[in-house]
């Protein structure tokens, strides 16, 4: 099964100039934990709820700070031609819950762990992804 069969195609994006407050409100309003960041139509990164807390609030940035200061610019992406199993393996390997799908560096969709778990008829993909993504953290001592 291809990712195009399970991905969300109506993806909200924001720009690097969007403030921490604005993106947090967007996440709350559309009930998501991450939003791809685009500039001139091309994906330049992704901002997650964890970025907002760890890189934003914990680092004492103001709510008016542009997310360009805290976004994850080295985000992984997938392609519309990949199989769900391949997407699940990438998500598991890198312990991520969402994989943006891009074509010519433009976002065409996003696959979440929920998409893989709920829509994929091969339960092995979602079991592997869920098990590997959800490994407990091992804090440094």
Protein backbone atom coordinates (compact mmCIF):
# COMPACT_ATOMS: atom_id res chain seq x y z
CA UNK A 1 0.00 0.00 0.00
CA UNK A 2 1.34 3.45 -0.95
CA UNK A 3 1.49 6.37 1.49
CA UNK A 4 -0.84 8.32 -0.81
CA UNK A 5 -3.60 5.94 0.25
CA UNK A 6 -3.30 6.80 3.95
CA UNK A 7 -1.74 10.27 4.16
CA UNK A 8 -3.54 13.47 5.04
CA UNK A 9 -3.50 15.76 2.01
CA UNK A 10 -5.00 18.92 3.53
CA UNK A 11 -1.90 20.02 5.44
CA UNK A 12 -1.78 23.34 7.26
CA UNK A 13 1.59 25.06 7.04
CA UNK A 14 3.13 28.19 8.47
CA UNK A 15 6.05 30.44 7.60
CA UNK A 16 9.33 30.86 9.51
CA UNK A 17 8.10 34.30 10.61
CA UNK A 18 5.07 32.84 12.39
CA UNK A 19 5.37 33.48 16.13
CA UNK A 20 5.49 30.84 18.84
CA UNK A 21 2.08 32.06 20.06
CA UNK A 22 0.53 31.91 16.58
CA UNK A 23 1.76 28.39 15.84
CA UNK A 24 0.69 27.15 19.28
CA UNK A 25 -2.79 28.55 18.61
CA UNK A 26 -2.85 26.90 15.17
CA UNK A 27 -1.93 23.54 16.70
CA UNK A 28 -4.66 23.90 19.30
CA UNK A 29 -7.26 24.99 16.75
CA UNK A 30 -6.63 22.16 14.27
CA UNK A 31 -5.68 19.62 16.96
CA UNK A 32 -2.23 18.62 15.67
CA UNK A 33 1.20 18.26 17.25
CA UNK A 34 3.28 19.51 14.35
CA UNK A 35 3.06 21.92 11.46
CA UNK A 36 5.34 21.94 8.42
CA UNK A 37 7.12 25.24 7.85
CA UNK A 38 7.26 26.53 4.28
CA UNK A 39 8.87 29.45 2.54
CA UNK A 40 8.05 30.35 -1.07
CA UNK A 41 6.02 27.13 -1.24
CA UNK A 42 8.95 24.92 -0.26
CA UNK A 43 9.27 23.00 2.98
CA UNK A 44 12.07 24.39 5.16
CA UNK A 45 11.37 22.50 8.36
CA UNK A 46 8.74 21.40 10.82
CA UNK A 47 7.66 22.81 14.16
CA UNK A 48 6.41 20.44 16.83
CA UNK A 49 4.67 20.88 20.14
CA UNK A 50 7.86 19.53 21.71
CA UNK A 51 9.91 22.24 19.94
CA UNK A 52 7.58 24.86 21.43
CA UNK A 53 8.11 23.53 24.94
CA UNK A 54 11.77 22.47 24.93
CA UNK A 55 13.32 25.00 22.56
CA UNK A 56 10.83 27.81 23.12
CA UNK A 57 9.37 28.01 26.62
CA UNK A 58 12.19 26.19 28.44
CA UNK A 59 14.70 28.44 26.70
CA UNK A 60 12.64 31.46 27.80
CA UNK A 61 11.82 32.77 24.33
CA UNK A 62 8.88 35.15 24.30
CA UNK A 63 5.59 34.15 22.69
CA UNK A 64 6.33 36.72 19.96
CA UNK A 65 9.55 34.98 18.88
CA UNK A 66 9.49 33.75 15.26
CA UNK A 67 9.53 29.97 15.04
CA UNK A 68 12.56 30.17 12.76
CA UNK A 69 14.53 30.41 16.02
CA UNK A 70 13.30 27.03 17.30
CA UNK A 71 12.06 24.90 14.39
CA UNK A 72 13.49 21.55 13.37
CA UNK A 73 15.12 22.30 10.03
CA UNK A 74 16.63 18.86 9.53
CA UNK A 75 13.26 17.14 9.31
CA UNK A 76 12.91 13.85 7.50
CA UNK A 77 10.50 13.55 4.59
CA UNK A 78 9.00 10.84 2.46
CA UNK A 79 7.78 10.62 -1.12
CA UNK A 80 4.38 9.82 -2.55
CA UNK A 81 5.84 6.73 -4.24
CA UNK A 82 6.95 5.05 -1.02
CA UNK A 83 5.10 2.16 0.58
CA UNK A 84 3.46 2.55 3.98
CA UNK A 85 5.90 -0.05 5.30
CA UNK A 86 8.87 2.10 4.22
CA UNK A 87 7.32 5.18 5.87
CA UNK A 88 6.66 3.18 9.04
CA UNK A 89 10.27 1.98 9.07
CA UNK A 90 11.61 5.55 8.72
CA UNK A 91 9.30 6.71 11.50
CA UNK A 92 10.38 3.82 13.73
CA UNK A 93 14.10 4.21 13.03
CA UNK A 94 14.07 7.93 13.82
CA UNK A 95 11.35 7.79 16.51
CA UNK A 96 9.08 10.31 14.83
CA UNK A 97 5.30 10.29 14.82
CA UNK A 98 4.74 12.28 11.62
CA UNK A 99 6.41 12.10 8.23
CA UNK A 100 5.83 14.94 5.74
CA UNK A 101 5.43 13.74 2.17
CA UNK A 102 7.07 16.05 -0.37
CA UNK A 103 7.44 16.33 -4.11
CA UNK A 104 9.92 18.84 -5.55
CA UNK A 105 10.44 20.03 -1.95
CA UNK A 106 6.75 21.01 -1.75
CA UNK A 107 4.56 19.37 0.83
CA UNK A 108 1.82 17.18 -0.65
CA UNK A 109 0.74 15.38 2.51
CA UNK A 110 1.70 14.05 5.90
CA UNK A 111 1.60 10.53 7.30
CA UNK A 112 1.12 10.10 11.02
CA UNK A 113 1.58 7.09 13.22
CA UNK A 114 -2.21 7.08 13.53
CA UNK A 115 -2.60 6.91 9.75
CA UNK A 116 -0.34 3.88 9.61
CA UNK A 117 -1.99 2.17 12.59
CA UNK A 118 -5.62 2.78 11.62
CA UNK A 119 -5.61 2.60 7.84
CA UNK A 120 -2.94 0.03 7.04
CA UNK A 121 -4.39 -3.47 6.68
CA UNK A 122 -0.97 -4.98 7.43
CA UNK A 123 -0.84 -4.69 11.22
CA UNK A 124 2.84 -5.58 11.27
CA UNK A 125 3.74 -2.11 9.91
CA UNK A 126 1.91 -0.26 12.66
CA UNK A 127 3.12 -2.65 15.37
CA UNK A 128 6.75 -2.18 14.38
CA UNK A 129 6.41 1.59 14.06
CA UNK A 130 4.50 1.96 17.33
CA UNK A 131 6.90 -0.27 19.24
CA UNK A 132 10.02 1.51 17.98
CA UNK A 133 8.64 5.05 18.10
CA UNK A 134 7.27 4.59 21.59
CA UNK A 135 10.45 3.30 23.24
CA UNK A 136 10.81 4.91 26.65
CA UNK A 137 13.29 7.71 26.94
CA UNK A 138 16.53 6.97 28.67
CA UNK A 139 17.57 10.19 30.41
CA UNK A 140 21.25 10.97 30.58
CA UNK A 141 22.64 10.60 34.08
